[in-house]
Amino acid sequence: MCVDIIPNSIDWILIELVLFKKINLSMDQILKWLEKSIEQLNYLKIMASPTLIGAFIGIAIYINKTDNLGLTIALIVTLLGIIGGILLANWAKRKTGTTEFISRVNASPDIDEAMKGKE
């Protein structure tokens, strides 16, 4: 007996109908909610990079110096990474918006230039 894990399009239509009837949201409200959700996920993505860098540096410091001083320095470096991540994400949110910031970071103009040359 085979069970579909991914629902087909008819299932999605039924799910949407049930959600719209029970929650009673308009399409505009759903799109605004989706936009806010994407902005929040991108905020977390921007914040994650400095946080992970700080955590890895903190772990490296603690591995090399496993006493209380090493732990204190590692925690301070990790905390600085978290603070740096929050500051970077807030700056990106104010400047262009987190989705625009992520789009620019992930863009590859060199590939776009190469594709123009082939056409």
PDB file of N, CA and C in Angstrom:
ATOM      1  N   MET A   1       0.837  -1.170   0.000  1.00  0.00           N
ATOM      2  CA  MET A   1       0.000   0.000   0.000  1.00  0.00           C
ATOM      3  C   MET A   1       0.884   1.237   0.000  1.00  0.00           C
ATOM      4  N   CYS A   2       0.725   2.087  -0.970  1.00  0.00           N
ATOM      5  CA  CYS A   2       1.548   3.291  -1.122  1.00  0.00           C
ATOM      6  C   CYS A   2       0.768   4.500  -0.599  1.00  0.00           C
ATOM      7  N   VAL A   3       1.409   5.283   0.239  1.00  0.00           N
ATOM      8  CA  VAL A   3       0.767   6.477   0.797  1.00  0.00           C
ATOM      9  C   VAL A   3       1.516   7.694   0.274  1.00  0.00           C
ATOM     10  N   ASP A   4       0.768   8.653  -0.268  1.00  0.00           N
ATOM     11  CA  ASP A   4       1.386   9.879  -0.757  1.00  0.00           C
ATOM     12  C   ASP A   4       1.735  10.775   0.422  1.00  0.00           C
ATOM     13  N   ILE A   5       3.004  11.167   0.480  1.00  0.00           N
ATOM     14  CA  ILE A   5       3.431  12.103   1.519  1.00  0.00           C
ATOM     15  C   ILE A   5       3.151  13.529   1.069  1.00  0.00           C
ATOM     16  N   ILE A   6       3.373  13.807  -0.197  1.00  0.00           N
ATOM     17  CA  ILE A   6       3.141  15.140  -0.741  1.00  0.00           C
ATOM     18  C   ILE A   6       1.730  15.168  -1.326  1.00  0.00           C
ATOM     19  N   PRO A   7       0.866  16.030  -0.796  1.00  0.00           N
ATOM     20  CA  PRO A   7      -0.495  16.070  -1.323  1.00  0.00           C
ATOM     21  C   PRO A   7      -0.532  16.645  -2.729  1.00  0.00           C
ATOM     22  N   ASN A   8      -1.491  16.208  -3.512  1.00  0.00           N
ATOM     23  CA  ASN A   8      -1.611  16.724  -4.875  1.00  0.00           C
ATOM     24  C   ASN A   8      -2.359  18.051  -4.868  1.00  0.00           C
ATOM     25  N   SER A   9      -2.558  18.640  -6.035  1.00  0.00           N
ATOM     26  CA  SER A   9      -3.131  19.976  -6.114  1.00  0.00           C
ATOM     27  C   SER A   9      -4.567  20.020  -5.612  1.00  0.00           C
ATOM     28  N   ILE A  10      -5.315  18.946  -5.775  1.00  0.00           N
ATOM     29  CA  ILE A  10      -6.694  18.931  -5.273  1.00  0.00           C
ATOM     30  C   ILE A  10      -6.695  18.993  -3.749  1.00  0.00           C
ATOM     31  N   ASP A  11      -5.744  18.306  -3.123  1.00  0.00           N
ATOM     32  CA  ASP A  11      -5.643  18.371  -1.669  1.00  0.00           C
ATOM     33  C   ASP A  11      -5.336  19.788  -1.211  1.00  0.00           C
ATOM     34  N   TRP A  12      -4.435  20.469  -1.915  1.00  0.00           N
ATOM     35  CA  TRP A  12      -4.099  21.841  -1.549  1.00  0.00           C
ATOM     36  C   TRP A  12      -5.309  22.749  -1.697  1.00  0.00           C
ATOM     37  N   ILE A  13      -6.087  22.563  -2.745  1.00  0.00           N
ATOM     38  CA  ILE A  13      -7.289  23.382  -2.926  1.00  0.00           C
ATOM     39  C   ILE A  13      -8.262  23.152  -1.775  1.00  0.00           C
ATOM     40  N   LEU A  14      -8.426  21.903  -1.371  1.00  0.00           N
ATOM     41  CA  LEU A  14      -9.313  21.604  -0.243  1.00  0.00           C
ATOM     42  C   LEU A  14      -8.791  22.216   1.050  1.00  0.00           C
ATOM     43  N   ILE A  15      -7.473  22.141   1.254  1.00  0.00           N
ATOM     44  CA  ILE A  15      -6.873  22.737   2.449  1.00  0.00           C
ATOM     45  C   ILE A  15      -7.115  24.239   2.459  1.00  0.00           C
ATOM     46  N   GLU A  16      -6.924  24.892   1.303  1.00  0.00           N
ATOM     47  CA  GLU A  16      -7.142  26.330   1.221  1.00  0.00           C
ATOM     48  C   GLU A  16      -8.594  26.681   1.493  1.00  0.00           C
ATOM     49  N   LEU A  17      -9.520  25.915   0.958  1.00  0.00           N
ATOM     50  CA  LEU A  17     -10.936  26.187   1.195  1.00  0.00           C
ATOM     51  C   LEU A  17     -11.289  26.066   2.670  1.00  0.00           C
ATOM     52  N   VAL A  18     -10.756  25.036   3.322  1.00  0.00           N
ATOM     53  CA  VAL A  18     -11.028  24.859   4.746  1.00  0.00           C
ATOM     54  C   VAL A  18     -10.437  26.009   5.542  1.00  0.00           C
ATOM     55  N   LEU A  19      -9.200  26.398   5.232  1.00  0.00           N
ATOM     56  CA  LEU A  19      -8.571  27.490   5.964  1.00  0.00           C
ATOM     57  C   LEU A  19      -9.321  28.799   5.775  1.00  0.00           C
ATOM     58  N   PHE A  20      -9.714  29.105   4.541  1.00  0.00           N
ATOM     59  CA  PHE A  20     -10.409  30.358   4.285  1.00  0.00           C
ATOM     60  C   PHE A  20     -11.758  30.390   4.993  1.00  0.00           C
ATOM     61  N   LYS A  21     -12.452  29.261   5.029  1.00  0.00           N
ATOM     62  CA  LYS A  21     -13.772  29.227   5.662  1.00  0.00           C
ATOM     63  C   LYS A  21     -13.659  29.313   7.184  1.00  0.00           C
ATOM     64  N   LYS A  22     -12.706  28.593   7.770  1.00  0.00           N
ATOM     65  CA  LYS A  22     -12.623  28.546   9.224  1.00  0.00           C
ATOM     66  C   LYS A  22     -11.953  29.783   9.809  1.00  0.00           C
ATOM     67  N   ILE A  23     -10.875  30.245   9.172  1.00  0.00           N
ATOM     68  CA  ILE A  23     -10.145  31.385   9.705  1.00  0.00           C
ATOM     69  C   ILE A  23     -10.760  32.693   9.231  1.00  0.00           C
ATOM     70  N   ASN A  24     -11.384  32.666   8.089  1.00  0.00           N
ATOM     71  CA  ASN A  24     -12.073  33.818   7.530  1.00  0.00           C
ATOM     72  C   ASN A  24     -11.114  34.986   7.250  1.00  0.00           C
ATOM     73  N   LEU A  25     -10.043  34.693   6.529  1.00  0.00           N
ATOM     74  CA  LEU A  25      -9.073  35.713   6.146  1.00  0.00           C
ATOM     75  C   LEU A  25      -9.212  36.022   4.667  1.00  0.00           C
ATOM     76  N   SER A  26      -8.944  37.267   4.333  1.00  0.00           N
ATOM     77  CA  SER A  26      -8.937  37.624   2.922  1.00  0.00           C
ATOM     78  C   SER A  26      -7.569  37.289   2.331  1.00  0.00           C
ATOM     79  N   MET A  27      -7.492  37.260   1.024  1.00  0.00           N
ATOM     80  CA  MET A  27      -6.223  36.955   0.358  1.00  0.00           C
ATOM     81  C   MET A  27      -5.183  38.023   0.671  1.00  0.00           C
ATOM     82  N   ASP A  28      -5.608  39.277   0.792  1.00  0.00           N
ATOM     83  CA  ASP A  28      -4.687  40.364   1.111  1.00  0.00           C
ATOM     84  C   ASP A  28      -4.071  40.168   2.495  1.00  0.00           C
ATOM     85  N   GLN A  29      -4.880  39.728   3.455  1.00  0.00           N
ATOM     86  CA  GLN A  29      -4.365  39.481   4.800  1.00  0.00           C
ATOM     87  C   GLN A  29      -3.383  38.315   4.806  1.00  0.00           C
ATOM     88  N   ILE A  30      -3.677  37.298   4.035  1.00  0.00           N
ATOM     89  CA  ILE A  30      -2.783  36.145   3.959  1.00  0.00           C
ATOM     90  C   ILE A  30      -1.453  36.536   3.322  1.00  0.00           C
ATOM     91  N   LEU A  31      -1.498  37.351   2.267  1.00  0.00           N
ATOM     92  CA  LEU A  31      -0.262  37.794   1.614  1.00  0.00           C
ATOM     93  C   LEU A  31       0.562  38.684   2.528  1.00  0.00           C
ATOM     94  N   LYS A  32      -0.089  39.553   3.306  1.00  0.00           N
ATOM     95  CA  LYS A  32       0.644  40.388   4.264  1.00  0.00           C
ATOM     96  C   LYS A  32       1.303  39.527   5.330  1.00  0.00           C
ATOM     97  N   TRP A  33       0.579  38.500   5.813  1.00  0.00           N
ATOM     98  CA  TRP A  33       1.152  37.595   6.804  1.00  0.00           C
ATOM     99  C   TRP A  33       2.348  36.846   6.228  1.00  0.00           C
ATOM    100  N   LEU A  34       2.221  36.398   4.974  1.00  0.00           N
ATOM    101  CA  LEU A  34       3.309  35.678   4.318  1.00  0.00           C
ATOM    102  C   LEU A  34       4.523  36.587   4.136  1.00  0.00           C
ATOM    103  N   GLU A  35       4.284  37.842   3.766  1.00  0.00           N
ATOM    104  CA  GLU A  35       5.383  38.794   3.596  1.00  0.00           C
ATOM    105  C   GLU A  35       6.110  39.033   4.920  1.00  0.00           C
ATOM    106  N   LYS A  36       5.357  39.192   5.994  1.00  0.00           N
ATOM    107  CA  LYS A  36       5.981  39.388   7.308  1.00  0.00           C
ATOM    108  C   LYS A  36       6.765  38.151   7.736  1.00  0.00           C
ATOM    109  N   SER A  37       6.232  36.978   7.437  1.00  0.00           N
ATOM    110  CA  SER A  37       6.924  35.740   7.796  1.00  0.00           C
ATOM    111  C   SER A  37       8.250  35.622   7.057  1.00  0.00           C
ATOM    112  N   ILE A  38       8.251  35.957   5.770  1.00  0.00           N
ATOM    113  CA  ILE A  38       9.484  35.905   4.984  1.00  0.00           C
ATOM    114  C   ILE A  38      10.493  36.922   5.497  1.00  0.00           C
ATOM    115  N   GLU A  39      10.030  38.123   5.849  1.00  0.00           N
ATOM    116  CA  GLU A  39      10.927  39.135   6.413  1.00  0.00           C
ATOM    117  C   GLU A  39      11.557  38.634   7.710  1.00  0.00           C
ATOM    118  N   GLN A  40      10.776  37.978   8.557  1.00  0.00           N
ATOM    119  CA  GLN A  40      11.300  37.482   9.823  1.00  0.00           C
ATOM    120  C   GLN A  40      12.303  36.346   9.615  1.00  0.00           C
ATOM    121  N   LEU A  41      12.031  35.468   8.664  1.00  0.00           N
ATOM    122  CA  LEU A  41      12.987  34.395   8.369  1.00  0.00           C
ATOM    123  C   LEU A  41      14.291  34.961   7.823  1.00  0.00           C
ATOM    124  N   ASN A  42      14.199  35.973   6.962  1.00  0.00           N
ATOM    125  CA  ASN A  42      15.409  36.598   6.437  1.00  0.00           C
ATOM    126  C   ASN A  42      16.170  37.333   7.538  1.00  0.00           C
ATOM    127  N   TYR A  43      15.453  37.932   8.490  1.00  0.00           N
ATOM    128  CA  TYR A  43      16.102  38.567   9.638  1.00  0.00           C
ATOM    129  C   TYR A  43      16.936  37.539  10.392  1.00  0.00           C
ATOM    130  N   LEU A  44      16.354  36.356  10.619  1.00  0.00           N
ATOM    131  CA  LEU A  44      17.086  35.298  11.321  1.00  0.00           C
ATOM    132  C   LEU A  44      18.286  34.810  10.514  1.00  0.00           C
ATOM    133  N   LYS A  45      18.138  34.751   9.178  1.00  0.00           N
ATOM    134  CA  LYS A  45      19.268  34.330   8.338  1.00  0.00           C
ATOM    135  C   LYS A  45      20.412  35.329   8.427  1.00  0.00           C
ATOM    136  N   ILE A  46      20.080  36.625   8.421  1.00  0.00           N
ATOM    137  CA  ILE A  46      21.124  37.651   8.519  1.00  0.00           C
ATOM    138  C   ILE A  46      21.789  37.590   9.887  1.00  0.00           C
ATOM    139  N   MET A  47      20.998  37.398  10.922  1.00  0.00           N
ATOM    140  CA  MET A  47      21.530  37.353  12.279  1.00  0.00           C
ATOM    141  C   MET A  47      22.374  36.102  12.524  1.00  0.00           C
ATOM    142  N   ALA A  48      22.097  35.027  11.807  1.00  0.00           N
ATOM    143  CA  ALA A  48      22.765  33.755  12.062  1.00  0.00           C
ATOM    144  C   ALA A  48      24.257  33.776  11.707  1.00  0.00           C
ATOM    145  N   SER A  49      24.634  34.493  10.658  1.00  0.00           N
ATOM    146  CA  SER A  49      26.037  34.455  10.227  1.00  0.00           C
ATOM    147  C   SER A  49      27.010  34.972  11.283  1.00  0.00           C
ATOM    148  N   PRO A  50      26.849  36.207  11.773  1.00  0.00           N
ATOM    149  CA  PRO A  50      27.786  36.653  12.816  1.00  0.00           C
ATOM    150  C   PRO A  50      27.685  35.827  14.097  1.00  0.00           C
ATOM    151  N   THR A  51      26.469  35.342  14.395  1.00  0.00           N
ATOM    152  CA  THR A  51      26.292  34.530  15.596  1.00  0.00           C
ATOM    153  C   THR A  51      27.090  33.235  15.484  1.00  0.00           C
ATOM    154  N   LEU A  52      27.003  32.567  14.338  1.00  0.00           N
ATOM    155  CA  LEU A  52      27.745  31.319  14.158  1.00  0.00           C
ATOM    156  C   LEU A  52      29.249  31.551  14.128  1.00  0.00           C
ATOM    157  N   ILE A  53      29.676  32.644  13.503  1.00  0.00           N
ATOM    158  CA  ILE A  53      31.110  32.961  13.486  1.00  0.00           C
ATOM    159  C   ILE A  53      31.603  33.175  14.911  1.00  0.00           C
ATOM    160  N   GLY A  54      30.842  33.950  15.703  1.00  0.00           N
ATOM    161  CA  GLY A  54      31.221  34.175  17.101  1.00  0.00           C
ATOM    162  C   GLY A  54      31.237  32.885  17.898  1.00  0.00           C
ATOM    163  N   ALA A  55      30.266  32.016  17.644  1.00  0.00           N
ATOM    164  CA  ALA A  55      30.207  30.741  18.370  1.00  0.00           C
ATOM    165  C   ALA A  55      31.389  29.848  18.015  1.00  0.00           C
ATOM    166  N   PHE A  56      31.735  29.766  16.721  1.00  0.00           N
ATOM    167  CA  PHE A  56      32.875  28.936  16.324  1.00  0.00           C
ATOM    168  C   PHE A  56      34.187  29.467  16.883  1.00  0.00           C
ATOM    169  N   ILE A  57      34.355  30.778  16.867  1.00  0.00           N
ATOM    170  CA  ILE A  57      35.569  31.359  17.456  1.00  0.00           C
ATOM    171  C   ILE A  57      35.593  31.090  18.960  1.00  0.00           C
ATOM    172  N   GLY A  58      34.424  31.225  19.608  1.00  0.00           N
ATOM    173  CA  GLY A  58      34.342  30.942  21.039  1.00  0.00           C
ATOM    174  C   GLY A  58      34.678  29.499  21.354  1.00  0.00           C
ATOM    175  N   ILE A  59      34.184  28.573  20.539  1.00  0.00           N
ATOM    176  CA  ILE A  59      34.500  27.154  20.738  1.00  0.00           C
ATOM    177  C   ILE A  59      35.991  26.912  20.543  1.00  0.00           C
ATOM    178  N   ALA A  60      36.577  27.536  19.531  1.00  0.00           N
ATOM    179  CA  ALA A  60      38.018  27.370  19.289  1.00  0.00           C
ATOM    180  C   ALA A  60      38.839  27.903  20.460  1.00  0.00           C
ATOM    181  N   ILE A  61      38.418  29.026  21.024  1.00  0.00           N
ATOM    182  CA  ILE A  61      39.130  29.579  22.179  1.00  0.00           C
ATOM    183  C   ILE A  61      39.010  28.633  23.366  1.00  0.00           C
ATOM    184  N   TYR A  62      37.806  28.119  23.583  1.00  0.00           N
ATOM    185  CA  TYR A  62      37.615  27.238  24.737  1.00  0.00           C
ATOM    186  C   TYR A  62      38.362  25.913  24.580  1.00  0.00           C
ATOM    187  N   ILE A  63      38.463  25.413  23.351  1.00  0.00           N
ATOM    188  CA  ILE A  63      39.206  24.167  23.132  1.00  0.00           C
ATOM    189  C   ILE A  63      40.686  24.364  23.448  1.00  0.00           C
ATOM    190  N   ASN A  64      41.232  25.542  23.102  1.00  0.00           N
ATOM    191  CA  ASN A  64      42.643  25.810  23.357  1.00  0.00           C
ATOM    192  C   ASN A  64      42.926  26.176  24.812  1.00  0.00           C
ATOM    193  N   LYS A  65      41.940  26.715  25.503  1.00  0.00           N
ATOM    194  CA  LYS A  65      42.139  27.133  26.895  1.00  0.00           C
ATOM    195  C   LYS A  65      40.910  26.699  27.682  1.00  0.00           C
ATOM    196  N   THR A  66      40.983  25.530  28.318  1.00  0.00           N
ATOM    197  CA  THR A  66      39.804  24.912  28.930  1.00  0.00           C
ATOM    198  C   THR A  66      39.627  25.250  30.413  1.00  0.00           C
ATOM    199  N   ASP A  67      40.122  26.387  30.852  1.00  0.00           N
ATOM    200  CA  ASP A  67      39.878  26.785  32.236  1.00  0.00           C
ATOM    201  C   ASP A  67      38.762  27.837  32.274  1.00  0.00           C
ATOM    202  N   ASN A  68      38.550  28.433  33.435  1.00  0.00           N
ATOM    203  CA  ASN A  68      37.469  29.415  33.587  1.00  0.00           C
ATOM    204  C   ASN A  68      37.700  30.667  32.749  1.00  0.00           C
ATOM    205  N   LEU A  69      38.953  31.064  32.608  1.00  0.00           N
ATOM    206  CA  LEU A  69      39.255  32.237  31.783  1.00  0.00           C
ATOM    207  C   LEU A  69      38.917  31.967  30.323  1.00  0.00           C
ATOM    208  N   GLY A  70      39.262  30.795  29.831  1.00  0.00           N
ATOM    209  CA  GLY A  70      38.926  30.438  28.451  1.00  0.00           C
ATOM    210  C   GLY A  70      37.425  30.388  28.225  1.00  0.00           C
ATOM    211  N   LEU A  71      36.693  29.858  29.218  1.00  0.00           N
ATOM    212  CA  LEU A  71      35.237  29.811  29.113  1.00  0.00           C
ATOM    213  C   LEU A  71      34.648  31.214  29.098  1.00  0.00           C
ATOM    214  N   THR A  72      35.170  32.088  29.945  1.00  0.00           N
ATOM    215  CA  THR A  72      34.682  33.465  29.996  1.00  0.00           C
ATOM    216  C   THR A  72      34.940  34.184  28.677  1.00  0.00           C
ATOM    217  N   ILE A  73      36.132  34.043  28.148  1.00  0.00           N
ATOM    218  CA  ILE A  73      36.458  34.680  26.873  1.00  0.00           C
ATOM    219  C   ILE A  73      35.598  34.109  25.752  1.00  0.00           C
ATOM    220  N   ALA A  74      35.393  32.805  25.753  1.00  0.00           N
ATOM    221  CA  ALA A  74      34.566  32.166  24.729  1.00  0.00           C
ATOM    222  C   ALA A  74      33.132  32.673  24.791  1.00  0.00           C
ATOM    223  N   LEU A  75      32.585  32.788  25.982  1.00  0.00           N
ATOM    224  CA  LEU A  75      31.219  33.296  26.127  1.00  0.00           C
ATOM    225  C   LEU A  75      31.105  34.759  25.689  1.00  0.00           C
ATOM    226  N   ILE A  76      32.126  35.553  26.010  1.00  0.00           N
ATOM    227  CA  ILE A  76      32.109  36.957  25.600  1.00  0.00           C
ATOM    228  C   ILE A  76      32.158  37.069  24.072  1.00  0.00           C
ATOM    229  N   VAL A  77      33.011  36.273  23.438  1.00  0.00           N
ATOM    230  CA  VAL A  77      33.107  36.304  21.970  1.00  0.00           C
ATOM    231  C   VAL A  77      31.795  35.841  21.337  1.00  0.00           C
ATOM    232  N   THR A  78      31.192  34.812  21.905  1.00  0.00           N
ATOM    233  CA  THR A  78      29.906  34.341  21.389  1.00  0.00           C
ATOM    234  C   THR A  78      28.832  35.407  21.565  1.00  0.00           C
ATOM    235  N   LEU A  79      28.814  36.056  22.702  1.00  0.00           N
ATOM    236  CA  LEU A  79      27.852  37.127  22.955  1.00  0.00           C
ATOM    237  C   LEU A  79      28.073  38.294  21.993  1.00  0.00           C
ATOM    238  N   LEU A  80      29.314  38.614  21.716  1.00  0.00           N
ATOM    239  CA  LEU A  80      29.605  39.663  20.735  1.00  0.00           C
ATOM    240  C   LEU A  80      29.113  39.280  19.346  1.00  0.00           C
ATOM    241  N   GLY A  81      29.216  37.992  19.004  1.00  0.00           N
ATOM    242  CA  GLY A  81      28.681  37.526  17.724  1.00  0.00           C
ATOM    243  C   GLY A  81      27.173  37.688  17.654  1.00  0.00           C
ATOM    244  N   ILE A  82      26.483  37.374  18.743  1.00  0.00           N
ATOM    245  CA  ILE A  82      25.024  37.533  18.789  1.00  0.00           C
ATOM    246  C   ILE A  82      24.647  39.007  18.664  1.00  0.00           C
ATOM    247  N   ILE A  83      25.325  39.870  19.409  1.00  0.00           N
ATOM    248  CA  ILE A  83      25.043  41.306  19.352  1.00  0.00           C
ATOM    249  C   ILE A  83      25.342  41.843  17.957  1.00  0.00           C
ATOM    250  N   GLY A  84      26.468  41.409  17.367  1.00  0.00           N
ATOM    251  CA  GLY A  84      26.793  41.833  16.004  1.00  0.00           C
ATOM    252  C   GLY A  84      25.748  41.381  15.001  1.00  0.00           C
ATOM    253  N   GLY A  85      25.232  40.176  15.173  1.00  0.00           N
ATOM    254  CA  GLY A  85      24.190  39.673  14.289  1.00  0.00           C
ATOM    255  C   GLY A  85      22.910  40.477  14.396  1.00  0.00           C
ATOM    256  N   ILE A  86      22.530  40.825  15.617  1.00  0.00           N
ATOM    257  CA  ILE A  86      21.326  41.638  15.816  1.00  0.00           C
ATOM    258  C   ILE A  86      21.515  43.023  15.205  1.00  0.00           C
ATOM    259  N   LEU A  87      22.680  43.622  15.423  1.00  0.00           N
ATOM    260  CA  LEU A  87      22.935  44.948  14.857  1.00  0.00           C
ATOM    261  C   LEU A  87      22.933  44.917  13.324  1.00  0.00           C
ATOM    262  N   LEU A  88      23.554  43.892  12.731  1.00  0.00           N
ATOM    263  CA  LEU A  88      23.573  43.775  11.278  1.00  0.00           C
ATOM    264  C   LEU A  88      22.169  43.571  10.721  1.00  0.00           C
ATOM    265  N   ALA A  89      21.378  42.728  11.372  1.00  0.00           N
ATOM    266  CA  ALA A  89      20.017  42.480  10.896  1.00  0.00           C
ATOM    267  C   ALA A  89      19.142  43.724  11.030  1.00  0.00           C
ATOM    268  N   ASN A  90      19.295  44.464  12.117  1.00  0.00           N
ATOM    269  CA  ASN A  90      18.532  45.706  12.275  1.00  0.00           C
ATOM    270  C   ASN A  90      18.942  46.740  11.240  1.00  0.00           C
ATOM    271  N   TRP A  91      20.245  46.830  10.973  1.00  0.00           N
ATOM    272  CA  TRP A  91      20.719  47.774   9.953  1.00  0.00           C
ATOM    273  C   TRP A  91      20.152  47.410   8.582  1.00  0.00           C
ATOM    274  N   ALA A  92      20.183  46.125   8.241  1.00  0.00           N
ATOM    275  CA  ALA A  92      19.652  45.688   6.947  1.00  0.00           C
ATOM    276  C   ALA A  92      18.147  45.932   6.867  1.00  0.00           C
ATOM    277  N   LYS A  93      17.459  45.739   7.970  1.00  0.00           N
ATOM    278  CA  LYS A  93      16.006  45.954   7.992  1.00  0.00           C
ATOM    279  C   LYS A  93      15.672  47.430   7.768  1.00  0.00           C
ATOM    280  N   ARG A  94      16.429  48.319   8.399  1.00  0.00           N
ATOM    281  CA  ARG A  94      16.177  49.749   8.231  1.00  0.00           C
ATOM    282  C   ARG A  94      16.606  50.257   6.862  1.00  0.00           C
ATOM    283  N   LYS A  95      17.732  49.770   6.378  1.00  0.00           N
ATOM    284  CA  LYS A  95      18.308  50.298   5.134  1.00  0.00           C
ATOM    285  C   LYS A  95      17.482  49.901   3.908  1.00  0.00           C
ATOM    286  N   THR A  96      17.329  48.624   3.648  1.00  0.00           N
ATOM    287  CA  THR A  96      16.631  48.192   2.432  1.00  0.00           C
ATOM    288  C   THR A  96      15.538  47.171   2.696  1.00  0.00           C
ATOM    289  N   GLY A  97      15.503  46.620   3.883  1.00  0.00           N
ATOM    290  CA  GLY A  97      14.604  45.506   4.164  1.00  0.00           C
ATOM    291  C   GLY A  97      15.396  44.213   4.093  1.00  0.00           C
ATOM    292  N   THR A  98      15.023  43.256   4.891  1.00  0.00           N
ATOM    293  CA  THR A  98      15.818  42.041   4.982  1.00  0.00           C
ATOM    294  C   THR A  98      15.742  41.201   3.705  1.00  0.00           C
ATOM    295  N   THR A  99      14.597  41.191   3.045  1.00  0.00           N
ATOM    296  CA  THR A  99      14.480  40.395   1.823  1.00  0.00           C
ATOM    297  C   THR A  99      15.346  40.971   0.716  1.00  0.00           C
ATOM    298  N   GLU A 100      15.360  42.291   0.586  1.00  0.00           N
ATOM    299  CA  GLU A 100      16.206  42.942  -0.423  1.00  0.00           C
ATOM    300  C   GLU A 100      17.684  42.701  -0.111  1.00  0.00           C
ATOM    301  N   PHE A 101      18.058  42.772   1.170  1.00  0.00           N
ATOM    302  CA  PHE A 101      19.439  42.541   1.578  1.00  0.00           C
ATOM    303  C   PHE A 101      19.882  41.126   1.223  1.00  0.00           C
ATOM    304  N   ILE A 102      19.053  40.134   1.549  1.00  0.00           N
ATOM    305  CA  ILE A 102      19.377  38.741   1.227  1.00  0.00           C
ATOM    306  C   ILE A 102      19.456  38.555  -0.287  1.00  0.00           C
ATOM    307  N   SER A 103      18.575  39.207  -1.019  1.00  0.00           N
ATOM    308  CA  SER A 103      18.590  39.082  -2.485  1.00  0.00           C
ATOM    309  C   SER A 103      19.878  39.625  -3.071  1.00  0.00           C
ATOM    310  N   ARG A 104      20.343  40.744  -2.551  1.00  0.00           N
ATOM    311  CA  ARG A 104      21.597  41.316  -3.057  1.00  0.00           C
ATOM    312  C   ARG A 104      22.791  40.453  -2.699  1.00  0.00           C
ATOM    313  N   VAL A 105      22.778  39.876  -1.507  1.00  0.00           N
ATOM    314  CA  VAL A 105      23.880  39.015  -1.088  1.00  0.00           C
ATOM    315  C   VAL A 105      23.930  37.756  -1.952  1.00  0.00           C
ATOM    316  N   ASN A 106      22.767  37.204  -2.271  1.00  0.00           N
ATOM    317  CA  ASN A 106      22.703  35.966  -3.042  1.00  0.00           C
ATOM    318  C   ASN A 106      22.787  36.189  -4.552  1.00  0.00           C
ATOM    319  N   ALA A 107      22.733  37.431  -4.996  1.00  0.00           N
ATOM    320  CA  ALA A 107      22.778  37.711  -6.433  1.00  0.00           C
ATOM    321  C   ALA A 107      24.159  37.380  -6.991  1.00  0.00           C
ATOM    322  N   SER A 108      24.187  37.029  -8.255  1.00  0.00           N
ATOM    323  CA  SER A 108      25.460  36.707  -8.901  1.00  0.00           C
ATOM    324  C   SER A 108      25.543  37.447 -10.230  1.00  0.00           C
ATOM    325  N   PRO A 109      25.983  38.718 -10.194  1.00  0.00           N
ATOM    326  CA  PRO A 109      26.045  39.492 -11.433  1.00  0.00           C
ATOM    327  C   PRO A 109      27.047  38.936 -12.444  1.00  0.00           C
ATOM    328  N   ASP A 110      28.077  38.242 -11.964  1.00  0.00           N
ATOM    329  CA  ASP A 110      29.043  37.680 -12.902  1.00  0.00           C
ATOM    330  C   ASP A 110      28.403  36.590 -13.764  1.00  0.00           C
ATOM    331  N   ILE A 111      27.509  35.813 -13.187  1.00  0.00           N
ATOM    332  CA  ILE A 111      26.810  34.797 -13.972  1.00  0.00           C
ATOM    333  C   ILE A 111      25.843  35.458 -14.944  1.00  0.00           C
ATOM    334  N   ASP A 112      25.183  36.524 -14.491  1.00  0.00           N
ATOM    335  CA  ASP A 112      24.269  37.260 -15.379  1.00  0.00           C
ATOM    336  C   ASP A 112      25.027  37.836 -16.575  1.00  0.00           C
ATOM    337  N   GLU A 113      26.212  38.357 -16.329  1.00  0.00           N
ATOM    338  CA  GLU A 113      27.043  38.908 -17.408  1.00  0.00           C
ATOM    339  C   GLU A 113      27.441  37.807 -18.384  1.00  0.00           C
ATOM    340  N   ALA A 114      27.803  36.642 -17.862  1.00  0.00           N
ATOM    341  CA  ALA A 114      28.198  35.525 -18.731  1.00  0.00           C
ATOM    342  C   ALA A 114      27.035  35.041 -19.574  1.00  0.00           C
ATOM    343  N   MET A 115      25.847  35.041 -19.005  1.00  0.00           N
ATOM    344  CA  MET A 115      24.656  34.609 -19.741  1.00  0.00           C
ATOM    345  C   MET A 115      24.292  35.607 -20.843  1.00  0.00           C
ATOM    346  N   LYS A 116      24.528  36.903 -20.633  1.00  0.00           N
ATOM    347  CA  LYS A 116      24.263  37.902 -21.658  1.00  0.00           C
ATOM    348  C   LYS A 116      25.183  37.706 -22.854  1.00  0.00           C
ATOM    349  N   GLY A 117      26.419  37.322 -22.588  1.00  0.00           N
ATOM    350  CA  GLY A 117      27.392  37.114 -23.654  1.00  0.00           C
ATOM    351  C   GLY A 117      27.036  35.922 -24.549  1.00  0.00           C
ATOM    352  N   LYS A 118      26.352  34.935 -24.033  1.00  0.00           N
ATOM    353  CA  LYS A 118      26.000  33.741 -24.795  1.00  0.00           C
ATOM    354  C   LYS A 118      24.753  33.946 -25.650  1.00  0.00           C
ATOM    355  N   GLU A 119      23.935  34.954 -25.325  1.00  0.00           N
ATOM    356  CA  GLU A 119      22.706  35.160 -26.094  1.00  0.00           C
ATOM    357  C   GLU A 119      22.922  35.877 -27.368  1.00  0.00           C
TER     358      GLU A 119
END
